[in-house]
Each structure stands twice: as structure tokens, then as C-alpha cells.
């Protein structure tokens, strides 16, 4: 698990290889990741946007940006958390991702960025 705190928001990431949705013979490897966001601030925050930097071990790189996460823009109150699951496809057996969320302090209406720690996606057989 990868975890870090920035701007008072703790972001923790767990990854899972998805063999049933992968096709190694076609160079298709699917991974799921579960992200937990914990608000350690004294004010509520709203997640507006996300930006991902995805690296595949074949040297390819892509950026993915969009509004919210899995179709929602959650509000996270002080001391509360929000969790979601999403996925990423790779062309090789391993890669990594990192990124950031654009959030808003709902008291001051100030926007700020929260770092998403880098995490690896590796087919379990590669650990041997």
C-alpha cells in the first residue's frame, strides 16, 4: 500500500491484478486500485478533478484527466474518509501511476492540489 498526506488530505492506495479481465497473449493487463481519502483538516473539502500520469514498463506514458472520481465529486467532512475503486489497463506486466486531485476548501472557497502517491501495478508472477 502507498500512502501520503498533503494539504491535510491522506491518500492511500491498494492495487489488485485482475486476471479475469486481462489477456496476456494480447498484451492486455488490467489492474484495479482502491483509494481512500481521509480529511485531516478542520474544514470540509470537495474533490473537483483528478489528473493521472501512467507509466508502462515498455516506456510508454499517458496522462488521464477528468472531473471527479468514478463519476462523482465527493465532499469529505473533517475527520471523515471517502473510498472508491477504479482501474487501469497496461500493455505490459508492470507499470506505475501517480497524480493529483484538485480540491476545494468549502469554507474559504480556495482551490488546492493534493498529491496522489506513486504506486506500482505488477502481475503477481513477476514477484518471483
N, C-alpha and C. Protein backbone atom coordinates (compact mmCIF):
# COMPACT_ATOMS: atom_id res chain seq x y z
N UNK A 1 0.85 -1.19 0.00
CA UNK A 1 0.00 0.00 0.00
C UNK A 1 0.88 1.24 0.00
N UNK A 2 0.51 2.22 -0.80
CA UNK A 2 1.18 3.53 -0.80
C UNK A 2 0.28 4.51 -0.08
N UNK A 3 0.89 5.42 0.66
CA UNK A 3 0.11 6.41 1.40
C UNK A 3 0.94 7.67 1.60
N UNK A 4 0.28 8.83 1.54
CA UNK A 4 0.94 10.08 1.85
C UNK A 4 -0.11 11.13 2.23
N UNK A 5 0.34 12.15 2.96
CA UNK A 5 -0.52 13.26 3.33
C UNK A 5 0.02 14.52 2.68
N UNK A 6 -0.86 15.25 2.00
CA UNK A 6 -0.51 16.58 1.50
C UNK A 6 -1.74 17.47 1.66
N UNK A 7 -1.49 18.70 2.06
CA UNK A 7 -2.58 19.67 2.28
C UNK A 7 -3.64 19.13 3.24
N UNK A 8 -3.22 18.29 4.19
CA UNK A 8 -4.15 17.76 5.19
C UNK A 8 -5.03 16.62 4.73
N UNK A 9 -4.80 16.13 3.53
CA UNK A 9 -5.57 15.01 2.98
C UNK A 9 -4.65 13.80 2.86
N UNK A 10 -5.02 12.70 3.50
CA UNK A 10 -4.25 11.47 3.38
C UNK A 10 -4.82 10.64 2.24
N UNK A 11 -3.96 10.25 1.32
CA UNK A 11 -4.34 9.43 0.18
C UNK A 11 -3.63 8.08 0.31
N UNK A 12 -4.41 7.00 0.39
CA UNK A 12 -3.85 5.65 0.49
C UNK A 12 -4.34 4.83 -0.70
N UNK A 13 -3.43 4.03 -1.28
CA UNK A 13 -3.75 3.28 -2.50
C UNK A 13 -3.36 1.81 -2.33
N UNK A 14 -4.29 0.92 -2.68
CA UNK A 14 -4.02 -0.52 -2.77
C UNK A 14 -4.29 -0.95 -4.21
N UNK A 15 -3.46 -1.85 -4.75
CA UNK A 15 -3.66 -2.30 -6.12
C UNK A 15 -3.93 -3.80 -6.16
N UNK A 16 -4.63 -4.22 -7.22
CA UNK A 16 -5.01 -5.62 -7.40
C UNK A 16 -4.94 -5.96 -8.88
N UNK A 17 -4.22 -7.01 -9.22
CA UNK A 17 -4.21 -7.51 -10.59
C UNK A 17 -5.53 -8.19 -10.87
N UNK A 18 -6.07 -8.00 -12.06
CA UNK A 18 -7.37 -8.55 -12.45
C UNK A 18 -7.19 -9.58 -13.57
N UNK A 19 -6.84 -10.83 -13.22
CA UNK A 19 -6.57 -11.84 -14.28
C UNK A 19 -7.78 -12.13 -15.16
N UNK A 20 -8.99 -12.05 -14.61
CA UNK A 20 -10.18 -12.36 -15.40
C UNK A 20 -10.46 -11.31 -16.48
N UNK A 21 -9.89 -10.12 -16.34
CA UNK A 21 -10.09 -9.04 -17.31
C UNK A 21 -8.82 -8.77 -18.12
N UNK A 22 -7.83 -9.63 -17.98
CA UNK A 22 -6.56 -9.49 -18.67
C UNK A 22 -6.43 -10.55 -19.76
N UNK A 23 -5.61 -10.25 -20.75
CA UNK A 23 -5.32 -11.20 -21.82
C UNK A 23 -3.83 -11.06 -22.16
N UNK A 24 -2.97 -11.77 -21.42
CA UNK A 24 -1.53 -11.64 -21.64
C UNK A 24 -1.09 -11.91 -23.08
N UNK A 25 -1.77 -12.83 -23.79
CA UNK A 25 -1.39 -13.13 -25.18
C UNK A 25 -1.62 -11.94 -26.10
N UNK A 26 -2.53 -11.04 -25.69
CA UNK A 26 -2.81 -9.83 -26.46
C UNK A 26 -2.17 -8.59 -25.82
N UNK A 27 -1.27 -8.80 -24.86
CA UNK A 27 -0.61 -7.71 -24.13
C UNK A 27 -1.63 -6.77 -23.48
N UNK A 28 -2.60 -7.37 -22.81
CA UNK A 28 -3.62 -6.60 -22.08
C UNK A 28 -3.59 -7.04 -20.63
N UNK A 29 -3.24 -6.13 -19.74
CA UNK A 29 -3.13 -6.41 -18.32
C UNK A 29 -3.98 -5.38 -17.58
N UNK A 30 -4.97 -5.88 -16.84
CA UNK A 30 -5.90 -4.99 -16.14
C UNK A 30 -5.62 -5.01 -14.64
N UNK A 31 -5.61 -3.84 -14.06
CA UNK A 31 -5.40 -3.67 -12.63
C UNK A 31 -6.52 -2.82 -12.05
N UNK A 32 -6.90 -3.14 -10.83
CA UNK A 32 -7.84 -2.31 -10.07
C UNK A 32 -7.04 -1.65 -8.96
N UNK A 33 -7.51 -0.49 -8.53
CA UNK A 33 -6.90 0.17 -7.38
C UNK A 33 -8.00 0.76 -6.51
N UNK A 34 -7.78 0.65 -5.21
CA UNK A 34 -8.72 1.19 -4.23
C UNK A 34 -8.03 2.37 -3.56
N UNK A 35 -8.70 3.51 -3.60
CA UNK A 35 -8.14 4.73 -3.00
C UNK A 35 -9.02 5.15 -1.83
N UNK A 36 -8.35 5.46 -0.72
CA UNK A 36 -9.02 6.00 0.46
C UNK A 36 -8.49 7.41 0.69
N UNK A 37 -9.41 8.36 0.77
CA UNK A 37 -9.08 9.76 1.04
C UNK A 37 -9.58 10.10 2.43
N UNK A 38 -8.69 10.59 3.29
CA UNK A 38 -9.06 10.96 4.65
C UNK A 38 -8.79 12.44 4.85
N UNK A 39 -9.80 13.16 5.33
CA UNK A 39 -9.67 14.60 5.54
C UNK A 39 -9.22 14.87 6.97
N UNK A 40 -7.96 15.29 7.13
CA UNK A 40 -7.42 15.63 8.45
C UNK A 40 -7.48 17.14 8.73
N UNK A 41 -8.18 17.87 7.87
CA UNK A 41 -8.32 19.32 8.06
C UNK A 41 -9.50 19.65 8.96
N UNK A 42 -9.61 20.92 9.33
CA UNK A 42 -10.72 21.38 10.16
C UNK A 42 -11.87 21.91 9.31
N UNK A 43 -11.81 21.70 8.01
CA UNK A 43 -12.84 22.21 7.10
C UNK A 43 -13.21 21.11 6.09
N UNK A 44 -14.45 21.16 5.55
CA UNK A 44 -14.84 20.19 4.54
C UNK A 44 -14.17 20.51 3.20
N UNK A 45 -13.93 19.46 2.41
CA UNK A 45 -13.33 19.63 1.09
C UNK A 45 -14.20 18.96 0.05
N UNK A 46 -14.09 19.47 -1.17
CA UNK A 46 -14.78 18.85 -2.31
C UNK A 46 -13.73 18.51 -3.35
N UNK A 47 -13.76 17.28 -3.83
CA UNK A 47 -12.86 16.83 -4.88
C UNK A 47 -13.48 17.21 -6.23
N UNK A 48 -12.79 18.07 -6.98
CA UNK A 48 -13.32 18.54 -8.27
C UNK A 48 -12.76 17.76 -9.46
N UNK A 49 -11.44 17.58 -9.50
CA UNK A 49 -10.80 16.98 -10.67
C UNK A 49 -9.70 16.02 -10.25
N UNK A 50 -9.32 15.14 -11.19
CA UNK A 50 -8.19 14.26 -10.96
C UNK A 50 -7.32 14.25 -12.21
N UNK A 51 -6.03 14.04 -11.98
CA UNK A 51 -5.05 14.00 -13.05
C UNK A 51 -4.11 12.84 -12.77
N UNK A 52 -3.97 11.93 -13.74
CA UNK A 52 -3.11 10.75 -13.59
C UNK A 52 -1.97 10.79 -14.58
N UNK A 53 -0.81 10.30 -14.15
CA UNK A 53 0.35 10.08 -15.00
C UNK A 53 0.62 8.58 -14.94
N UNK A 54 0.44 7.88 -16.05
CA UNK A 54 0.51 6.43 -16.10
C UNK A 54 1.74 6.02 -16.91
N UNK A 55 2.58 5.19 -16.30
CA UNK A 55 3.81 4.72 -16.94
C UNK A 55 3.73 3.21 -17.13
N UNK A 56 3.98 2.75 -18.34
CA UNK A 56 4.02 1.33 -18.64
C UNK A 56 5.49 0.93 -18.76
N UNK A 57 5.84 -0.31 -18.42
CA UNK A 57 7.25 -0.70 -18.43
C UNK A 57 7.84 -0.82 -19.83
N UNK A 58 7.02 -0.67 -20.87
CA UNK A 58 7.54 -0.65 -22.23
C UNK A 58 8.02 0.74 -22.63
N UNK A 59 7.99 1.67 -21.69
CA UNK A 59 8.45 3.03 -21.95
C UNK A 59 7.34 3.99 -22.33
N UNK A 60 6.12 3.51 -22.50
CA UNK A 60 5.03 4.41 -22.87
C UNK A 60 4.52 5.15 -21.63
N UNK A 61 3.91 6.28 -21.89
CA UNK A 61 3.45 7.18 -20.84
C UNK A 61 2.17 7.83 -21.33
N UNK A 62 1.19 7.98 -20.44
CA UNK A 62 -0.03 8.69 -20.82
C UNK A 62 -0.58 9.46 -19.63
N UNK A 63 -1.25 10.54 -19.94
CA UNK A 63 -1.93 11.35 -18.93
C UNK A 63 -3.43 11.17 -19.09
N UNK A 64 -4.13 11.10 -17.97
CA UNK A 64 -5.58 11.00 -17.97
C UNK A 64 -6.10 12.06 -17.00
N UNK A 65 -6.99 12.91 -17.48
CA UNK A 65 -7.57 13.95 -16.63
C UNK A 65 -9.07 13.91 -16.74
N UNK A 66 -9.74 14.40 -15.71
CA UNK A 66 -11.19 14.47 -15.78
C UNK A 66 -11.79 15.00 -14.49
N UNK A 67 -13.10 15.17 -14.55
CA UNK A 67 -13.83 15.66 -13.38
C UNK A 67 -14.08 14.53 -12.41
N UNK A 68 -13.97 14.84 -11.13
CA UNK A 68 -14.31 13.91 -10.08
C UNK A 68 -13.59 12.58 -10.17
N UNK A 69 -14.15 11.60 -9.48
CA UNK A 69 -13.64 10.23 -9.49
C UNK A 69 -14.84 9.30 -9.64
N UNK A 70 -14.73 8.32 -10.51
CA UNK A 70 -15.80 7.36 -10.82
C UNK A 70 -17.18 8.04 -10.90
N UNK A 71 -17.20 9.20 -11.58
CA UNK A 71 -18.47 9.88 -11.84
C UNK A 71 -19.01 10.76 -10.73
N UNK A 72 -18.30 10.94 -9.65
CA UNK A 72 -18.79 11.79 -8.56
C UNK A 72 -17.71 12.80 -8.13
N UNK A 73 -18.18 13.86 -7.50
CA UNK A 73 -17.30 14.86 -6.92
C UNK A 73 -17.61 14.90 -5.42
N UNK A 74 -17.00 13.98 -4.67
CA UNK A 74 -17.38 13.82 -3.26
C UNK A 74 -16.98 15.00 -2.39
N UNK A 75 -17.80 15.23 -1.37
CA UNK A 75 -17.48 16.17 -0.29
C UNK A 75 -17.04 15.31 0.89
N UNK A 76 -15.89 15.67 1.48
CA UNK A 76 -15.36 14.91 2.61
C UNK A 76 -15.25 15.87 3.80
N UNK A 77 -16.03 15.59 4.82
CA UNK A 77 -16.04 16.44 6.01
C UNK A 77 -14.82 16.17 6.88
N UNK A 78 -14.50 17.10 7.78
CA UNK A 78 -13.35 16.90 8.68
C UNK A 78 -13.46 15.58 9.43
N UNK A 79 -12.36 14.83 9.47
CA UNK A 79 -12.33 13.56 10.18
C UNK A 79 -12.99 12.40 9.46
N UNK A 80 -13.53 12.65 8.28
CA UNK A 80 -14.19 11.58 7.53
C UNK A 80 -13.31 11.11 6.38
N UNK A 81 -13.74 10.01 5.76
CA UNK A 81 -12.99 9.47 4.63
C UNK A 81 -13.95 9.12 3.50
N UNK A 82 -13.37 8.96 2.32
CA UNK A 82 -14.11 8.56 1.12
C UNK A 82 -13.26 7.51 0.42
N UNK A 83 -13.90 6.45 -0.05
CA UNK A 83 -13.17 5.36 -0.70
C UNK A 83 -13.84 5.02 -2.02
N UNK A 84 -13.02 4.73 -3.03
CA UNK A 84 -13.56 4.30 -4.31
C UNK A 84 -12.59 3.32 -4.96
N UNK A 85 -13.10 2.58 -5.95
CA UNK A 85 -12.31 1.63 -6.70
C UNK A 85 -12.40 2.00 -8.18
N UNK A 86 -11.27 1.96 -8.85
CA UNK A 86 -11.22 2.22 -10.29
C UNK A 86 -10.20 1.26 -10.90
N UNK A 87 -9.89 1.46 -12.17
CA UNK A 87 -8.98 0.53 -12.82
C UNK A 87 -8.09 1.20 -13.85
N UNK A 88 -7.08 0.44 -14.27
CA UNK A 88 -6.11 0.91 -15.25
C UNK A 88 -5.64 -0.29 -16.07
N UNK A 89 -5.58 -0.12 -17.39
CA UNK A 89 -5.06 -1.17 -18.25
C UNK A 89 -3.64 -0.82 -18.68
N UNK A 90 -2.79 -1.83 -18.74
CA UNK A 90 -1.42 -1.68 -19.20
C UNK A 90 -1.19 -2.62 -20.37
N UNK A 91 -0.14 -2.34 -21.14
CA UNK A 91 0.25 -3.21 -22.25
C UNK A 91 1.34 -4.19 -21.82
N UNK A 92 1.88 -4.01 -20.62
CA UNK A 92 2.92 -4.89 -20.10
C UNK A 92 2.53 -5.37 -18.71
N UNK A 93 3.35 -6.24 -18.13
CA UNK A 93 3.04 -6.86 -16.84
C UNK A 93 3.29 -5.97 -15.64
N UNK A 94 3.87 -4.80 -15.87
CA UNK A 94 4.08 -3.89 -14.75
C UNK A 94 4.14 -2.45 -15.20
N UNK A 95 3.75 -1.60 -14.30
CA UNK A 95 3.77 -0.16 -14.55
C UNK A 95 3.54 0.56 -13.24
N UNK A 96 3.34 1.87 -13.35
CA UNK A 96 3.09 2.65 -12.14
C UNK A 96 2.25 3.87 -12.50
N UNK A 97 1.65 4.43 -11.47
CA UNK A 97 0.81 5.62 -11.62
C UNK A 97 1.11 6.59 -10.49
N UNK A 98 0.86 7.85 -10.74
CA UNK A 98 0.85 8.88 -9.71
C UNK A 98 -0.03 9.99 -10.25
N UNK A 99 -0.33 10.96 -9.40
CA UNK A 99 -1.19 12.03 -9.88
C UNK A 99 -1.51 13.03 -8.81
N UNK A 100 -2.62 13.74 -9.05
CA UNK A 100 -3.08 14.72 -8.07
C UNK A 100 -4.57 14.96 -8.23
N UNK A 101 -5.16 15.39 -7.13
CA UNK A 101 -6.55 15.80 -7.10
C UNK A 101 -6.61 17.31 -6.95
N UNK A 102 -7.57 17.93 -7.62
CA UNK A 102 -7.85 19.34 -7.37
C UNK A 102 -9.03 19.36 -6.41
N UNK A 103 -8.83 20.00 -5.26
CA UNK A 103 -9.86 20.06 -4.24
C UNK A 103 -10.17 21.50 -3.88
N UNK A 104 -11.30 21.66 -3.22
CA UNK A 104 -11.73 22.98 -2.78
C UNK A 104 -12.01 22.96 -1.28
N UNK A 105 -11.46 23.95 -0.58
CA UNK A 105 -11.81 24.19 0.81
C UNK A 105 -13.20 24.83 0.78
N UNK A 106 -14.22 24.14 1.28
CA UNK A 106 -15.59 24.65 1.17
C UNK A 106 -15.88 25.83 2.10
N UNK A 107 -14.99 26.11 3.06
CA UNK A 107 -15.16 27.29 3.91
C UNK A 107 -14.60 28.53 3.22
N UNK A 108 -13.37 28.45 2.74
CA UNK A 108 -12.72 29.62 2.14
C UNK A 108 -12.93 29.71 0.63
N UNK A 109 -13.43 28.64 0.00
CA UNK A 109 -13.61 28.54 -1.45
C UNK A 109 -12.28 28.53 -2.20
N UNK A 110 -11.18 28.27 -1.48
CA UNK A 110 -9.85 28.20 -2.09
C UNK A 110 -9.63 26.81 -2.68
N UNK A 111 -9.07 26.78 -3.91
CA UNK A 111 -8.72 25.52 -4.55
C UNK A 111 -7.28 25.17 -4.21
N UNK A 112 -7.00 23.88 -4.09
CA UNK A 112 -5.65 23.41 -3.80
C UNK A 112 -5.47 22.02 -4.39
N UNK A 113 -4.21 21.61 -4.56
CA UNK A 113 -3.89 20.31 -5.13
C UNK A 113 -3.39 19.35 -4.07
N UNK A 114 -3.82 18.11 -4.16
CA UNK A 114 -3.42 17.04 -3.25
C UNK A 114 -2.68 15.99 -4.07
N UNK A 115 -1.50 15.63 -3.64
CA UNK A 115 -0.70 14.63 -4.35
C UNK A 115 -1.23 13.22 -4.12
N UNK A 116 -1.21 12.43 -5.19
CA UNK A 116 -1.52 11.00 -5.11
C UNK A 116 -0.17 10.29 -5.17
N UNK A 117 0.16 9.50 -4.15
CA UNK A 117 1.49 8.88 -4.15
C UNK A 117 1.65 7.90 -5.31
N UNK A 118 2.89 7.78 -5.77
CA UNK A 118 3.18 6.82 -6.83
C UNK A 118 2.93 5.41 -6.31
N UNK A 119 2.29 4.59 -7.14
CA UNK A 119 2.07 3.19 -6.78
C UNK A 119 2.31 2.31 -7.98
N UNK A 120 2.74 1.09 -7.69
CA UNK A 120 3.08 0.14 -8.74
C UNK A 120 1.93 -0.83 -9.01
N UNK A 121 1.86 -1.27 -10.25
CA UNK A 121 0.93 -2.31 -10.66
C UNK A 121 1.78 -3.41 -11.28
N UNK A 122 1.81 -4.57 -10.63
CA UNK A 122 2.69 -5.66 -11.07
C UNK A 122 1.91 -6.98 -11.05
N UNK A 123 1.99 -7.71 -12.15
CA UNK A 123 1.38 -9.04 -12.20
C UNK A 123 2.07 -9.90 -11.14
N UNK A 124 1.32 -10.59 -10.28
CA UNK A 124 1.94 -11.35 -9.16
C UNK A 124 3.08 -12.29 -9.54
N UNK A 125 3.01 -12.92 -10.72
CA UNK A 125 4.09 -13.83 -11.12
C UNK A 125 5.43 -13.12 -11.25
N UNK A 126 5.43 -11.82 -11.45
CA UNK A 126 6.67 -11.05 -11.61
C UNK A 126 7.40 -10.88 -10.29
N UNK A 127 6.73 -11.15 -9.17
CA UNK A 127 7.37 -11.03 -7.86
C UNK A 127 8.32 -12.17 -7.59
N UNK A 128 8.20 -13.27 -8.32
CA UNK A 128 9.05 -14.45 -8.10
C UNK A 128 10.41 -14.31 -8.73
